Amino acid sequence: MRPVIGVLGNILIMEGGILPGIERAYVNYDYIDSVIKAGGVPYIIPMNLEEEIIAKQISLLDGLILSGGFDVNPLLYGEQPSKYQDYTYPEIDEFYLKSINIALERNIPILGICKGMQMLNVALGGSLYQDISQVEGSFIRHVQAAKRSTATHSVRFIEGSRLYKIFGEKTNINSYHHQCVKKLGNGLKAVAFSDDNIIEAIELENSKFVIGVQWHPEMMVQNPKSNMINLFKEFINCSGRD
């Protein structure tokens, strides 16, 4: 049976049209397409704050994808917002935290993407740089000016990690983030780095599959030169029912 893969939904705030300000539950279709191509059944989870409802939603899943989105509220990791901080939506962050904690308790495989990786780190007690300019020695452009499926810089993987087994020593990625991991959360290990030493991926030790990547692999699956479908295949393979 194809495993059911939940994708945490986001909120799209309409800025024009006849209903400006209306909020819509959504995920980008790239997530759905990647799950289908990798052999899973996609299931969009709309944002809500009822823990009982979230627990029921998670109980229907074999694996959970934490999608990207707005900046993480810095109050969650004990910092005040800096001048670099972009728009935050605290209710979405709360939804992510509750979903992550429930999935971890139930040993459900997790793949965190971009903000999803950052929220995974924060959920486990870690912190973030509110902007990459705060990282000494950073020089790579991490918000690319190219098509979303285009790789614009490389990352290197730590030997022995699950991602090393999937990609080898090095691969090329796209990049759409201005925040990044500072202090690692409990049990997390940094397993990929850019050439300016930004943490580009994390793995939870002694887990079935709990991985966060800072890039957007779902956007690259459509690129025939990309190997990102292998990440989703490995994730979905680990999400199969025992």
C-alpha atoms as a PDB file:
ATOM      1  CA  MET A   1       0.000   0.000   0.000  1.00  0.00           C
ATOM      2  CA  ARG A   2       1.168   3.512  -0.741  1.00  0.00           C
ATOM      3  CA  PRO A   3       1.970   5.368   2.488  1.00  0.00           C
ATOM      4  CA  VAL A   4      -0.121   8.419   3.363  1.00  0.00           C
ATOM      5  CA  ILE A   5       2.081  11.508   3.580  1.00  0.00           C
ATOM      6  CA  GLY A   6       0.727  14.573   5.338  1.00  0.00           C
ATOM      7  CA  VAL A   7       1.906  18.034   4.311  1.00  0.00           C
ATOM      8  CA  LEU A   8       1.408  20.765   6.908  1.00  0.00           C
ATOM      9  CA  GLY A   9      -0.679  23.502   5.364  1.00  0.00           C
ATOM     10  CA  ASN A  10       0.030  27.209   5.458  1.00  0.00           C
ATOM     11  CA  ILE A  11      -2.044  30.386   5.338  1.00  0.00           C
ATOM     12  CA  LEU A  12      -2.139  32.512   2.205  1.00  0.00           C
ATOM     13  CA  ILE A  13      -3.255  36.083   2.954  1.00  0.00           C
ATOM     14  CA  MET A  14      -4.915  37.574  -0.132  1.00  0.00           C
ATOM     15  CA  GLU A  15      -3.642  41.064  -0.924  1.00  0.00           C
ATOM     16  CA  GLY A  16      -5.983  41.960  -3.788  1.00  0.00           C
ATOM     17  CA  GLY A  17      -9.158  40.922  -5.532  1.00  0.00           C
ATOM     18  CA  ILE A  18     -12.653  41.360  -4.149  1.00  0.00           C
ATOM     19  CA  LEU A  19     -11.769  39.902  -0.737  1.00  0.00           C
ATOM     20  CA  PRO A  20      -8.447  41.454   0.355  1.00  0.00           C
ATOM     21  CA  GLY A  21      -7.206  40.124   3.665  1.00  0.00           C
ATOM     22  CA  ILE A  22      -9.051  36.802   3.409  1.00  0.00           C
ATOM     23  CA  GLU A  23      -6.960  33.842   4.585  1.00  0.00           C
ATOM     24  CA  ARG A  24      -6.782  30.616   2.592  1.00  0.00           C
ATOM     25  CA  ALA A  25      -5.422  27.238   3.652  1.00  0.00           C
ATOM     26  CA  TYR A  26      -2.941  25.966   1.058  1.00  0.00           C
ATOM     27  CA  VAL A  27       0.292  24.238   0.148  1.00  0.00           C
ATOM     28  CA  ASN A  28       2.297  24.696  -3.025  1.00  0.00           C
ATOM     29  CA  TYR A  29       1.545  21.967  -5.561  1.00  0.00           C
ATOM     30  CA  ASP A  30       5.242  21.032  -5.812  1.00  0.00           C
ATOM     31  CA  TYR A  31       4.872  19.165  -2.488  1.00  0.00           C
ATOM     32  CA  ILE A  32       1.891  17.185  -3.763  1.00  0.00           C
ATOM     33  CA  ASP A  33       3.566  16.346  -7.065  1.00  0.00           C
ATOM     34  CA  SER A  34       6.780  15.186  -5.348  1.00  0.00           C
ATOM     35  CA  VAL A  35       4.919  12.860  -2.976  1.00  0.00           C
ATOM     36  CA  ILE A  36       2.958  11.295  -5.847  1.00  0.00           C
ATOM     37  CA  LYS A  37       6.052  10.850  -8.033  1.00  0.00           C
ATOM     38  CA  ALA A  38       7.901   9.211  -5.118  1.00  0.00           C
ATOM     39  CA  GLY A  39       5.096   6.709  -4.485  1.00  0.00           C
ATOM     40  CA  GLY A  40       3.106   8.281  -1.664  1.00  0.00           C
ATOM     41  CA  VAL A  41      -0.454   9.500  -1.157  1.00  0.00           C
ATOM     42  CA  PRO A  42      -0.475  13.254  -0.362  1.00  0.00           C
ATOM     43  CA  TYR A  43      -2.763  14.567   2.370  1.00  0.00           C
ATOM     44  CA  ILE A  44      -2.921  18.292   3.115  1.00  0.00           C
ATOM     45  CA  ILE A  45      -3.313  19.158   6.805  1.00  0.00           C
ATOM     46  CA  PRO A  46      -5.002  22.544   7.330  1.00  0.00           C
ATOM     47  CA  MET A  47      -3.750  24.764  10.129  1.00  0.00           C
ATOM     48  CA  ASN A  48      -5.646  24.666  13.410  1.00  0.00           C
ATOM     49  CA  LEU A  49      -4.707  24.922  17.082  1.00  0.00           C
ATOM     50  CA  GLU A  50      -6.873  22.160  18.578  1.00  0.00           C
ATOM     51  CA  GLU A  51      -4.436  19.569  19.885  1.00  0.00           C
ATOM     52  CA  GLU A  52      -7.074  16.824  19.803  1.00  0.00           C
ATOM     53  CA  ILE A  53      -7.761  17.558  16.128  1.00  0.00           C
ATOM     54  CA  ILE A  54      -4.071  17.733  15.244  1.00  0.00           C
ATOM     55  CA  ALA A  55      -3.483  14.403  16.997  1.00  0.00           C
ATOM     56  CA  LYS A  56      -6.290  12.836  14.965  1.00  0.00           C
ATOM     57  CA  GLN A  57      -4.869  14.284  11.752  1.00  0.00           C
ATOM     58  CA  ILE A  58      -1.396  12.931  12.540  1.00  0.00           C
ATOM     59  CA  SER A  59      -2.854   9.507  13.416  1.00  0.00           C
ATOM     60  CA  LEU A  60      -3.985   9.123   9.796  1.00  0.00           C
ATOM     61  CA  LEU A  61      -0.446   9.522   8.469  1.00  0.00           C
ATOM     62  CA  ASP A  62       2.533   7.317   7.706  1.00  0.00           C
ATOM     63  CA  GLY A  63       4.874  10.298   7.239  1.00  0.00           C
ATOM     64  CA  LEU A  64       4.833  14.060   7.771  1.00  0.00           C
ATOM     65  CA  ILE A  65       6.280  16.876   5.646  1.00  0.00           C
ATOM     66  CA  LEU A  66       6.853  20.244   7.314  1.00  0.00           C
ATOM     67  CA  SER A  67       6.460  22.748   4.483  1.00  0.00           C
ATOM     68  CA  GLY A  68       8.110  26.159   4.156  1.00  0.00           C
ATOM     69  CA  GLY A  69       6.521  29.498   4.983  1.00  0.00           C
ATOM     70  CA  PHE A  70       6.822  32.716   6.987  1.00  0.00           C
ATOM     71  CA  ASP A  71       9.727  33.483   9.329  1.00  0.00           C
ATOM     72  CA  VAL A  72       9.786  31.720  12.690  1.00  0.00           C
ATOM     73  CA  ASN A  73       8.734  33.850  15.669  1.00  0.00           C
ATOM     74  CA  PRO A  74      12.036  34.528  17.538  1.00  0.00           C
ATOM     75  CA  LEU A  75      10.233  34.639  20.897  1.00  0.00           C
ATOM     76  CA  LEU A  76       9.990  30.838  20.574  1.00  0.00           C
ATOM     77  CA  TYR A  77      13.751  30.545  21.051  1.00  0.00           C
ATOM     78  CA  GLY A  78      14.157  33.360  23.546  1.00  0.00           C
ATOM     79  CA  GLU A  79      15.165  36.260  21.302  1.00  0.00           C
ATOM     80  CA  GLN A  80      13.655  39.629  20.466  1.00  0.00           C
ATOM     81  CA  PRO A  81      12.966  40.369  16.779  1.00  0.00           C
ATOM     82  CA  SER A  82      15.904  41.973  15.020  1.00  0.00           C
ATOM     83  CA  LYS A  83      15.712  44.534  12.230  1.00  0.00           C
ATOM     84  CA  TYR A  84      16.145  41.641   9.787  1.00  0.00           C
ATOM     85  CA  GLN A  85      13.050  39.781  10.927  1.00  0.00           C
ATOM     86  CA  ASP A  86      10.347  39.371   8.249  1.00  0.00           C
ATOM     87  CA  TYR A  87       6.640  38.620   8.639  1.00  0.00           C
ATOM     88  CA  THR A  88       5.694  36.069  11.289  1.00  0.00           C
ATOM     89  CA  TYR A  89       2.427  34.268  11.992  1.00  0.00           C
ATOM     90  CA  PRO A  90       2.619  32.883  15.553  1.00  0.00           C
ATOM     91  CA  GLU A  91      -0.467  30.666  15.184  1.00  0.00           C
ATOM     92  CA  ILE A  92       1.163  28.792  12.301  1.00  0.00           C
ATOM     93  CA  ASP A  93       4.282  28.291  14.415  1.00  0.00           C
ATOM     94  CA  GLU A  94       2.149  26.905  17.235  1.00  0.00           C
ATOM     95  CA  PHE A  95       0.484  24.526  14.778  1.00  0.00           C
ATOM     96  CA  TYR A  96       3.894  23.335  13.586  1.00  0.00           C
ATOM     97  CA  LEU A  97       5.178  22.813  17.128  1.00  0.00           C
ATOM     98  CA  LYS A  98       2.159  20.767  18.160  1.00  0.00           C
ATOM     99  CA  SER A  99       2.332  18.687  14.974  1.00  0.00           C
ATOM    100  CA  ILE A 100       6.069  18.036  15.366  1.00  0.00           C
ATOM    101  CA  ASN A 101       5.752  17.008  19.011  1.00  0.00           C
ATOM    102  CA  ILE A 102       2.896  14.606  18.274  1.00  0.00           C
ATOM    103  CA  ALA A 103       4.726  13.081  15.284  1.00  0.00           C
ATOM    104  CA  LEU A 104       7.900  12.609  17.349  1.00  0.00           C
ATOM    105  CA  GLU A 105       5.943  10.956  20.153  1.00  0.00           C
ATOM    106  CA  ARG A 106       4.428   8.526  17.649  1.00  0.00           C
ATOM    107  CA  ASN A 107       7.716   7.878  15.834  1.00  0.00           C
ATOM    108  CA  ILE A 108       6.272   9.063  12.517  1.00  0.00           C
ATOM    109  CA  PRO A 109       8.930   9.883   9.898  1.00  0.00           C
ATOM    110  CA  ILE A 110       9.379  13.636   9.380  1.00  0.00           C
ATOM    111  CA  LEU A 111      10.843  15.616   6.501  1.00  0.00           C
ATOM    112  CA  GLY A 112      11.255  19.327   7.293  1.00  0.00           C
ATOM    113  CA  ILE A 113      11.758  21.671   4.344  1.00  0.00           C
ATOM    114  CA  CYS A 114      13.160  25.217   4.675  1.00  0.00           C
ATOM    115  CA  LYS A 115      11.044  26.759   7.482  1.00  0.00           C
ATOM    116  CA  GLY A 116      10.059  23.173   8.309  1.00  0.00           C
ATOM    117  CA  MET A 117      13.691  22.404   9.125  1.00  0.00           C
ATOM    118  CA  GLN A 118      13.948  25.560  11.234  1.00  0.00           C
ATOM    119  CA  MET A 119      10.768  24.699  13.163  1.00  0.00           C
ATOM    120  CA  LEU A 120      12.052  21.172  13.779  1.00  0.00           C
ATOM    121  CA  ASN A 121      15.215  22.656  15.258  1.00  0.00           C
ATOM    122  CA  VAL A 122      13.273  25.106  17.440  1.00  0.00           C
ATOM    123  CA  ALA A 123      10.833  22.388  18.578  1.00  0.00           C
ATOM    124  CA  LEU A 124      13.809  20.436  19.931  1.00  0.00           C
ATOM    125  CA  GLY A 125      15.233  23.416  21.820  1.00  0.00           C
ATOM    126  CA  GLY A 126      17.457  24.971  19.160  1.00  0.00           C
ATOM    127  CA  SER A 127      17.721  28.555  17.911  1.00  0.00           C
ATOM    128  CA  LEU A 128      18.086  30.437  14.621  1.00  0.00           C
ATOM    129  CA  TYR A 129      20.031  33.271  13.096  1.00  0.00           C
ATOM    130  CA  GLN A 130      17.331  35.766  12.177  1.00  0.00           C
ATOM    131  CA  ASP A 131      19.319  36.640   9.053  1.00  0.00           C
ATOM    132  CA  ILE A 132      22.302  35.023   7.366  1.00  0.00           C
ATOM    133  CA  SER A 133      24.117  38.382   7.458  1.00  0.00           C
ATOM    134  CA  GLN A 134      24.532  37.720  11.195  1.00  0.00           C
ATOM    135  CA  VAL A 135      26.706  34.682  10.405  1.00  0.00           C
ATOM    136  CA  GLU A 136      30.379  35.606  10.297  1.00  0.00           C
ATOM    137  CA  GLY A 137      31.974  34.702   6.977  1.00  0.00           C
ATOM    138  CA  SER A 138      28.763  34.170   5.053  1.00  0.00           C
ATOM    139  CA  PHE A 139      29.170  35.070   1.382  1.00  0.00           C
ATOM    140  CA  ILE A 140      26.833  32.862  -0.693  1.00  0.00           C
ATOM    141  CA  ARG A 141      23.544  34.211  -2.007  1.00  0.00           C
ATOM    142  CA  HIS A 142      20.953  32.086  -0.207  1.00  0.00           C
ATOM    143  CA  VAL A 143      17.874  33.691  -1.786  1.00  0.00           C
ATOM    144  CA  GLN A 144      18.456  32.884  -5.416  1.00  0.00           C
ATOM    145  CA  ALA A 145      17.561  34.903  -8.510  1.00  0.00           C
ATOM    146  CA  ALA A 146      16.783  31.957 -10.783  1.00  0.00           C
ATOM    147  CA  LYS A 147      13.952  29.551 -11.596  1.00  0.00           C
ATOM    148  CA  ARG A 148      12.813  27.644  -8.514  1.00  0.00           C
ATOM    149  CA  SER A 149      13.898  24.287  -9.962  1.00  0.00           C
ATOM    150  CA  THR A 150      17.419  25.535 -10.735  1.00  0.00           C
ATOM    151  CA  ALA A 151      20.340  24.616  -8.487  1.00  0.00           C
ATOM    152  CA  THR A 152      22.385  27.686  -7.585  1.00  0.00           C
ATOM    153  CA  HIS A 153      24.945  26.486  -5.047  1.00  0.00           C
ATOM    154  CA  SER A 154      26.361  23.257  -3.662  1.00  0.00           C
ATOM    155  CA  VAL A 155      26.307  21.558  -0.270  1.00  0.00           C
ATOM    156  CA  ARG A 156      28.580  18.917   1.191  1.00  0.00           C
ATOM    157  CA  PHE A 157      27.327  16.060   3.364  1.00  0.00           C
ATOM    158  CA  ILE A 158      28.843  14.451   6.428  1.00  0.00           C
ATOM    159  CA  GLU A 159      29.951  10.892   5.755  1.00  0.00           C
ATOM    160  CA  GLY A 160      27.819   8.340   7.590  1.00  0.00           C
ATOM    161  CA  SER A 161      24.659  10.452   7.513  1.00  0.00           C
ATOM    162  CA  ARG A 162      21.481   9.272   5.814  1.00  0.00           C
ATOM    163  CA  LEU A 163      21.719  12.182   3.369  1.00  0.00           C
ATOM    164  CA  TYR A 164      25.278  11.156   2.466  1.00  0.00           C
ATOM    165  CA  LYS A 165      23.901   7.733   1.538  1.00  0.00           C
ATOM    166  CA  ILE A 166      21.254   9.380  -0.644  1.00  0.00           C
ATOM    167  CA  PHE A 167      23.356  12.060  -2.367  1.00  0.00           C
ATOM    168  CA  GLY A 168      26.988  11.172  -1.821  1.00  0.00           C
ATOM    169  CA  GLU A 169      29.623  13.680  -0.752  1.00  0.00           C
ATOM    170  CA  LYS A 170      28.160  16.697  -2.533  1.00  0.00           C
ATOM    171  CA  THR A 171      25.118  17.880  -4.490  1.00  0.00           C
ATOM    172  CA  ASN A 172      23.720  21.079  -5.947  1.00  0.00           C
ATOM    173  CA  ILE A 173      20.623  22.718  -4.467  1.00  0.00           C
ATOM    174  CA  ASN A 174      18.280  25.662  -4.887  1.00  0.00           C
ATOM    175  CA  SER A 175      18.025  28.242  -2.108  1.00  0.00           C
ATOM    176  CA  TYR A 176      15.222  30.446  -0.744  1.00  0.00           C
ATOM    177  CA  HIS A 177      16.013  31.317   2.875  1.00  0.00           C
ATOM    178  CA  HIS A 178      17.434  34.226   4.836  1.00  0.00           C
ATOM    179  CA  GLN A 179      17.314  32.540   8.263  1.00  0.00           C
ATOM    180  CA  CYS A 180      19.305  29.490   9.337  1.00  0.00           C
ATOM    181  CA  VAL A 181      20.133  27.228  12.253  1.00  0.00           C
ATOM    182  CA  LYS A 182      22.258  28.697  15.044  1.00  0.00           C
ATOM    183  CA  LYS A 183      22.205  26.370  18.068  1.00  0.00           C
ATOM    184  CA  LEU A 184      21.222  22.786  17.288  1.00  0.00           C
ATOM    185  CA  GLY A 185      18.212  21.291  19.055  1.00  0.00           C
ATOM    186  CA  ASN A 186      18.481  18.297  21.370  1.00  0.00           C
ATOM    187  CA  GLY A 187      19.510  15.120  19.566  1.00  0.00           C
ATOM    188  CA  LEU A 188      19.993  16.875  16.222  1.00  0.00           C
ATOM    189  CA  LYS A 189      23.156  16.608  14.179  1.00  0.00           C
ATOM    190  CA  ALA A 190      24.250  18.970  11.397  1.00  0.00           C
ATOM    191  CA  VAL A 191      24.857  16.781   8.339  1.00  0.00           C
ATOM    192  CA  ALA A 192      25.189  19.243   5.428  1.00  0.00           C
ATOM    193  CA  PHE A 193      26.946  22.577   4.982  1.00  0.00           C
ATOM    194  CA  SER A 194      27.313  25.214   2.291  1.00  0.00           C
ATOM    195  CA  ASP A 195      30.772  26.498   1.417  1.00  0.00           C
ATOM    196  CA  ASP A 196      30.189  29.458   3.754  1.00  0.00           C
ATOM    197  CA  ASN A 197      29.411  26.976   6.568  1.00  0.00           C
ATOM    198  CA  ILE A 198      25.670  27.553   6.831  1.00  0.00           C
ATOM    199  CA  ILE A 199      23.962  24.437   8.202  1.00  0.00           C
ATOM    200  CA  GLU A 200      21.948  23.102   5.262  1.00  0.00           C
ATOM    201  CA  ALA A 201      20.550  19.877   6.742  1.00  0.00           C
ATOM    202  CA  ILE A 202      19.955  18.229  10.104  1.00  0.00           C
ATOM    203  CA  GLU A 203      19.133  14.691  11.231  1.00  0.00           C
ATOM    204  CA  LEU A 204      17.720  13.446  14.517  1.00  0.00           C
ATOM    205  CA  GLU A 205      19.955  10.740  15.903  1.00  0.00           C
ATOM    206  CA  ASN A 206      18.488   7.295  16.620  1.00  0.00           C
ATOM    207  CA  SER A 207      15.282   8.026  14.700  1.00  0.00           C
ATOM    208  CA  LYS A 208      13.513   6.107  11.958  1.00  0.00           C
ATOM    209  CA  PHE A 209      13.636   9.160   9.679  1.00  0.00           C
ATOM    210  CA  VAL A 210      13.645  12.726  11.018  1.00  0.00           C
ATOM    211  CA  ILE A 211      15.476  15.031   8.620  1.00  0.00           C
ATOM    212  CA  GLY A 212      15.389  18.739   7.855  1.00  0.00           C
ATOM    213  CA  VAL A 213      16.796  20.342   4.707  1.00  0.00           C
ATOM    214  CA  GLN A 214      17.220  24.073   4.243  1.00  0.00           C
ATOM    215  CA  TRP A 215      16.618  24.042   0.483  1.00  0.00           C
ATOM    216  CA  HIS A 216      13.391  23.233  -1.434  1.00  0.00           C
ATOM    217  CA  PRO A 217      13.792  19.727  -2.929  1.00  0.00           C
ATOM    218  CA  GLU A 218      10.122  19.621  -3.949  1.00  0.00           C
ATOM    219  CA  MET A 219      10.750  22.497  -6.366  1.00  0.00           C
ATOM    220  CA  MET A 220      13.665  20.629  -7.962  1.00  0.00           C
ATOM    221  CA  VAL A 221      11.909  17.315  -8.625  1.00  0.00           C
ATOM    222  CA  GLN A 222      10.628  18.637 -11.971  1.00  0.00           C
ATOM    223  CA  ASN A 223      14.223  19.357 -13.070  1.00  0.00           C
ATOM    224  CA  PRO A 224      15.473  16.314 -15.072  1.00  0.00           C
ATOM    225  CA  LYS A 225      19.041  17.084 -14.007  1.00  0.00           C
ATOM    226  CA  SER A 226      18.131  16.936 -10.314  1.00  0.00           C
ATOM    227  CA  ASN A 227      18.409  13.911  -8.014  1.00  0.00           C
ATOM    228  CA  MET A 228      15.987  15.297  -5.399  1.00  0.00           C
ATOM    229  CA  ILE A 229      13.333  12.665  -6.088  1.00  0.00           C
ATOM    230  CA  ASN A 230      15.675  10.243  -4.290  1.00  0.00           C
ATOM    231  CA  LEU A 231      15.150  12.137  -1.024  1.00  0.00           C
ATOM    232  CA  PHE A 232      11.381  11.770  -1.293  1.00  0.00           C
ATOM    233  CA  LYS A 233      11.674   8.092  -2.276  1.00  0.00           C
ATOM    234  CA  GLU A 234      13.817   7.359   0.780  1.00  0.00           C
ATOM    235  CA  PHE A 235      11.439   9.295   3.029  1.00  0.00           C
ATOM    236  CA  ILE A 236       8.379   7.496   1.671  1.00  0.00           C
ATOM    237  CA  ASN A 237      10.133   4.123   1.835  1.00  0.00           C
ATOM    238  CA  CYS A 238      10.795   4.753   5.559  1.00  0.00           C
ATOM    239  CA  SER A 239       7.141   5.783   5.970  1.00  0.00           C
ATOM    240  CA  GLY A 240       5.786   2.421   4.801  1.00  0.00           C
ATOM    241  CA  ARG A 241       3.642   0.533   7.291  1.00  0.00           C
ATOM    242  CA  ASP A 242       5.467  -2.158   9.285  1.00  0.00           C
END
